[in-house]
C-alpha atoms as a PDB file:
ATOM      1  CA  UNK A   1       2.621  20.641   6.194  1.00  0.00           C
ATOM      2  CA  UNK A   2       2.699  18.286   8.651  1.00  0.00           C
ATOM      3  CA  UNK A   3       4.715  14.950   8.397  1.00  0.00           C
ATOM      4  CA  UNK A   4       3.406  11.994   8.277  1.00  0.00           C
ATOM      5  CA  UNK A   5       1.303   9.679   6.189  1.00  0.00           C
ATOM      6  CA  UNK A   6      -2.684   9.781   5.571  1.00  0.00           C
ATOM      7  CA  UNK A   7      -4.154   6.238   5.438  1.00  0.00           C
ATOM      8  CA  UNK A   8      -7.362   5.154   4.246  1.00  0.00           C
ATOM      9  CA  UNK A   9      -8.819   1.842   4.888  1.00  0.00           C
ATOM     10  CA  UNK A  10     -12.462   1.886   5.518  1.00  0.00           C
ATOM     11  CA  UNK A  11     -15.354   4.085   4.173  1.00  0.00           C
ATOM     12  CA  UNK A  12     -15.270   6.505   7.276  1.00  0.00           C
ATOM     13  CA  UNK A  13     -11.595   6.884   6.539  1.00  0.00           C
ATOM     14  CA  UNK A  14     -12.795   9.212   3.543  1.00  0.00           C
ATOM     15  CA  UNK A  15     -13.329  12.482   5.718  1.00  0.00           C
ATOM     16  CA  UNK A  16     -11.048  11.319   8.681  1.00  0.00           C
ATOM     17  CA  UNK A  17      -7.707   9.786   7.402  1.00  0.00           C
ATOM     18  CA  UNK A  18      -5.551   7.323  10.251  1.00  0.00           C
ATOM     19  CA  UNK A  19      -2.676   9.369  10.710  1.00  0.00           C
ATOM     20  CA  UNK A  20       0.886   7.427  10.775  1.00  0.00           C
ATOM     21  CA  UNK A  21       3.360  10.461  12.866  1.00  0.00           C
ATOM     22  CA  UNK A  22       6.416   7.616  13.049  1.00  0.00           C
ATOM     23  CA  UNK A  23       8.162   4.744  11.257  1.00  0.00           C
ATOM     24  CA  UNK A  24       7.351   3.309  14.714  1.00  0.00           C
ATOM     25  CA  UNK A  25       3.946   3.205  14.597  1.00  0.00           C
ATOM     26  CA  UNK A  26       4.073   1.609  11.060  1.00  0.00           C
ATOM     27  CA  UNK A  27       3.817  -2.172  13.162  1.00  0.00           C
ATOM     28  CA  UNK A  28       0.473  -1.313  14.488  1.00  0.00           C
ATOM     29  CA  UNK A  29      -0.750   0.331  11.039  1.00  0.00           C
ATOM     30  CA  UNK A  30      -0.064  -3.685   9.706  1.00  0.00           C
ATOM     31  CA  UNK A  31      -1.553  -5.166  12.984  1.00  0.00           C
ATOM     32  CA  UNK A  32      -4.603  -2.917  12.203  1.00  0.00           C
ATOM     33  CA  UNK A  33      -5.420  -4.384   8.973  1.00  0.00           C
ATOM     34  CA  UNK A  34      -4.662  -7.436   9.799  1.00  0.00           C
ATOM     35  CA  UNK A  35      -7.229  -7.704  12.191  1.00  0.00           C
ATOM     36  CA  UNK A  36      -9.970  -6.447   9.659  1.00  0.00           C
ATOM     37  CA  UNK A  37     -12.455  -8.389   8.041  1.00  0.00           C
ATOM     38  CA  UNK A  38     -11.241  -9.320   4.207  1.00  0.00           C
ATOM     39  CA  UNK A  39     -13.478  -5.884   2.742  1.00  0.00           C
ATOM     40  CA  UNK A  40     -11.042  -3.625   4.263  1.00  0.00           C
ATOM     41  CA  UNK A  41      -7.305  -5.444   4.691  1.00  0.00           C
ATOM     42  CA  UNK A  42      -5.871  -2.797   2.178  1.00  0.00           C
ATOM     43  CA  UNK A  43      -4.905   0.525   2.818  1.00  0.00           C
ATOM     44  CA  UNK A  44      -4.471   3.786   0.243  1.00  0.00           C
ATOM     45  CA  UNK A  45      -1.172   5.473   2.096  1.00  0.00           C
ATOM     46  CA  UNK A  46      -0.251   9.488   1.006  1.00  0.00           C
ATOM     47  CA  UNK A  47       2.862  11.135   2.365  1.00  0.00           C
ATOM     48  CA  UNK A  48       2.042  14.550   3.643  1.00  0.00           C
ATOM     49  CA  UNK A  49       5.659  15.304   2.700  1.00  0.00           C
ATOM     50  CA  UNK A  50       4.952  15.153  -0.963  1.00  0.00           C
ATOM     51  CA  UNK A  51       3.732  17.432  -3.435  1.00  0.00           C
ATOM     52  CA  UNK A  52       0.267  17.461  -4.814  1.00  0.00           C
ATOM     53  CA  UNK A  53      -0.778  18.052  -8.684  1.00  0.00           C
ATOM     54  CA  UNK A  54      -2.343  20.899 -10.083  1.00  0.00           C
ATOM     55  CA  UNK A  55      -5.485  19.262  -9.316  1.00  0.00           C
ATOM     56  CA  UNK A  56      -4.658  19.019  -5.483  1.00  0.00           C
ATOM     57  CA  UNK A  57      -4.628  15.666  -5.126  1.00  0.00           C
ATOM     58  CA  UNK A  58      -1.528  13.415  -4.097  1.00  0.00           C
ATOM     59  CA  UNK A  59       1.380  12.966  -6.382  1.00  0.00           C
ATOM     60  CA  UNK A  60       1.458   9.590  -5.532  1.00  0.00           C
ATOM     61  CA  UNK A  61      -0.205   6.263  -3.709  1.00  0.00           C
ATOM     62  CA  UNK A  62       1.192   3.099  -1.979  1.00  0.00           C
ATOM     63  CA  UNK A  63      -1.467   0.429  -1.736  1.00  0.00           C
ATOM     64  CA  UNK A  64      -0.690  -2.151   0.850  1.00  0.00           C
ATOM     65  CA  UNK A  65      -2.413  -5.469   1.153  1.00  0.00           C
ATOM     66  CA  UNK A  66      -2.084  -7.892   3.749  1.00  0.00           C
ATOM     67  CA  UNK A  67      -3.408 -11.578   2.744  1.00  0.00           C
ATOM     68  CA  UNK A  68      -6.324 -13.266   4.766  1.00  0.00           C
ATOM     69  CA  UNK A  69      -3.595 -15.656   5.819  1.00  0.00           C
ATOM     70  CA  UNK A  70      -1.563 -13.068   7.773  1.00  0.00           C
ATOM     71  CA  UNK A  71       1.759 -14.505   6.674  1.00  0.00           C
ATOM     72  CA  UNK A  72       1.798 -12.161   2.898  1.00  0.00           C
ATOM     73  CA  UNK A  73       1.355  -8.846   1.630  1.00  0.00           C
ATOM     74  CA  UNK A  74       1.069  -7.550  -2.076  1.00  0.00           C
ATOM     75  CA  UNK A  75       2.227  -3.603  -2.861  1.00  0.00           C
ATOM     76  CA  UNK A  76       1.062  -1.161  -5.747  1.00  0.00           C
ATOM     77  CA  UNK A  77       3.144   1.843  -5.621  1.00  0.00           C
ATOM     78  CA  UNK A  78       1.724   4.961  -8.182  1.00  0.00           C
ATOM     79  CA  UNK A  79       4.118   7.909  -8.853  1.00  0.00           C
ATOM     80  CA  UNK A  80       6.847   9.353 -10.707  1.00  0.00           C
ATOM     81  CA  UNK A  81       5.458   8.736 -14.422  1.00  0.00           C
ATOM     82  CA  UNK A  82       4.072   5.186 -13.460  1.00  0.00           C
ATOM     83  CA  UNK A  83       2.120   2.231 -11.405  1.00  0.00           C
ATOM     84  CA  UNK A  84       3.795  -0.921 -10.565  1.00  0.00           C
ATOM     85  CA  UNK A  85       3.369  -4.022  -8.325  1.00  0.00           C
ATOM     86  CA  UNK A  86       5.798  -5.744  -5.783  1.00  0.00           C
ATOM     87  CA  UNK A  87       7.576  -8.906  -7.214  1.00  0.00           C
ATOM     88  CA  UNK A  88       7.088 -11.789  -4.672  1.00  0.00           C
ATOM     89  CA  UNK A  89       7.813 -15.952  -5.456  1.00  0.00           C
ATOM     90  CA  UNK A  90       3.987 -16.969  -5.084  1.00  0.00           C
ATOM     91  CA  UNK A  91       3.752 -20.009  -7.460  1.00  0.00           C
ATOM     92  CA  UNK A  92       0.103 -18.843  -7.692  1.00  0.00           C
ATOM     93  CA  UNK A  93      -1.827 -18.791 -11.227  1.00  0.00           C
ATOM     94  CA  UNK A  94      -3.904 -15.673 -11.976  1.00  0.00           C
ATOM     95  CA  UNK A  95      -4.642 -12.641 -10.325  1.00  0.00           C
ATOM     96  CA  UNK A  96      -4.478 -12.183  -6.417  1.00  0.00           C
ATOM     97  CA  UNK A  97      -7.512 -10.275  -5.221  1.00  0.00           C
ATOM     98  CA  UNK A  98      -7.813  -8.003  -1.927  1.00  0.00           C
ATOM     99  CA  UNK A  99     -10.171  -5.852  -1.085  1.00  0.00           C
ATOM    100  CA  UNK A 100     -10.068  -2.209  -0.668  1.00  0.00           C
ATOM    101  CA  UNK A 101     -13.309  -0.564   1.420  1.00  0.00           C
ATOM    102  CA  UNK A 102     -15.121  -3.727  -0.059  1.00  0.00           C
ATOM    103  CA  UNK A 103     -13.962  -3.333  -3.617  1.00  0.00           C
ATOM    104  CA  UNK A 104     -12.193  -5.596  -5.110  1.00  0.00           C
ATOM    105  CA  UNK A 105      -8.558  -5.070  -6.295  1.00  0.00           C
ATOM    106  CA  UNK A 106      -6.131  -7.383  -8.856  1.00  0.00           C
ATOM    107  CA  UNK A 107      -2.450  -7.872  -8.198  1.00  0.00           C
ATOM    108  CA  UNK A 108      -0.379 -10.091 -10.420  1.00  0.00           C
ATOM    109  CA  UNK A 109      -0.081 -13.589  -8.798  1.00  0.00           C
ATOM    110  CA  UNK A 110       3.432 -12.794  -8.333  1.00  0.00           C
ATOM    111  CA  UNK A 111       2.880 -10.017  -6.030  1.00  0.00           C
ATOM    112  CA  UNK A 112       3.167 -11.246  -2.900  1.00  0.00           C
ATOM    113  CA  UNK A 113       5.308 -11.431  -0.009  1.00  0.00           C
ATOM    114  CA  UNK A 114       6.249 -12.167   3.326  1.00  0.00           C
ATOM    115  CA  UNK A 115       4.387  -9.832   5.800  1.00  0.00           C
ATOM    116  CA  UNK A 116       7.963  -8.876   6.891  1.00  0.00           C
ATOM    117  CA  UNK A 117       9.290  -7.288   3.526  1.00  0.00           C
ATOM    118  CA  UNK A 118       6.076  -5.643   3.461  1.00  0.00           C
ATOM    119  CA  UNK A 119       6.236  -4.001   6.487  1.00  0.00           C
ATOM    120  CA  UNK A 120       9.480  -2.921   6.059  1.00  0.00           C
ATOM    121  CA  UNK A 121       8.700  -1.427   2.451  1.00  0.00           C
ATOM    122  CA  UNK A 122       5.712   0.635   4.381  1.00  0.00           C
ATOM    123  CA  UNK A 123       8.336   1.712   6.579  1.00  0.00           C
ATOM    124  CA  UNK A 124      10.739   2.935   4.063  1.00  0.00           C
ATOM    125  CA  UNK A 125       7.839   4.700   2.454  1.00  0.00           C
ATOM    126  CA  UNK A 126       7.765   6.748   5.777  1.00  0.00           C
ATOM    127  CA  UNK A 127      11.506   8.073   5.789  1.00  0.00           C
ATOM    128  CA  UNK A 128      11.859   8.344   2.321  1.00  0.00           C
ATOM    129  CA  UNK A 129       8.666  10.878   2.185  1.00  0.00           C
ATOM    130  CA  UNK A 130       6.593   8.701  -0.071  1.00  0.00           C
ATOM    131  CA  UNK A 131       8.911   8.121  -2.620  1.00  0.00           C
ATOM    132  CA  UNK A 132       9.143   4.400  -4.235  1.00  0.00           C
ATOM    133  CA  UNK A 133      10.271   2.153  -1.710  1.00  0.00           C
ATOM    134  CA  UNK A 134      13.344  -0.161  -1.958  1.00  0.00           C
ATOM    135  CA  UNK A 135      12.959  -2.754  -0.015  1.00  0.00           C
ATOM    136  CA  UNK A 136      10.744  -4.657  -1.954  1.00  0.00           C
ATOM    137  CA  UNK A 137      11.258  -5.278  -5.615  1.00  0.00           C
ATOM    138  CA  UNK A 138       9.258  -3.951  -8.256  1.00  0.00           C
ATOM    139  CA  UNK A 139       7.831  -4.538 -11.303  1.00  0.00           C
ATOM    140  CA  UNK A 140       5.649  -2.470 -13.789  1.00  0.00           C
ATOM    141  CA  UNK A 141       2.101  -2.446 -14.588  1.00  0.00           C
ATOM    142  CA  UNK A 142       1.432  -2.583 -17.588  1.00  0.00           C
ATOM    143  CA  UNK A 143      -1.631  -0.857 -18.658  1.00  0.00           C
ATOM    144  CA  UNK A 144      -4.595  -3.288 -20.736  1.00  0.00           C
ATOM    145  CA  UNK A 145      -4.649  -2.484 -24.708  1.00  0.00           C
END
């Protein structure tokens, strides 16, 4: 298994994901997302060093979204028996929408973080082999009833 992160944010990445092989490449990844249109400003990240499920799928996922203002972003981590959204201090009301390959994804109103925290969280995800990073504060995703 080769170390690194597989990254998907465009339709064509389904067969050919972007690879991040060093923590120094994280800033370039975030900058690439910022250069995208609003439809492709969310990326799904999977660490290569994590185990796979019995169905041969990743046992985790980090969604990284960057805002159209280029100053904020939001995160969702799934794995280790649950899902969590980043917790920021936004004064927004209602959900915040980010787009992944043209599909909308709702994040809680308080999920937005300063972009430097998003960058640091992704860098930790790289170095901690895909476990939920500790740089960001997290809130548990509560599934609808």
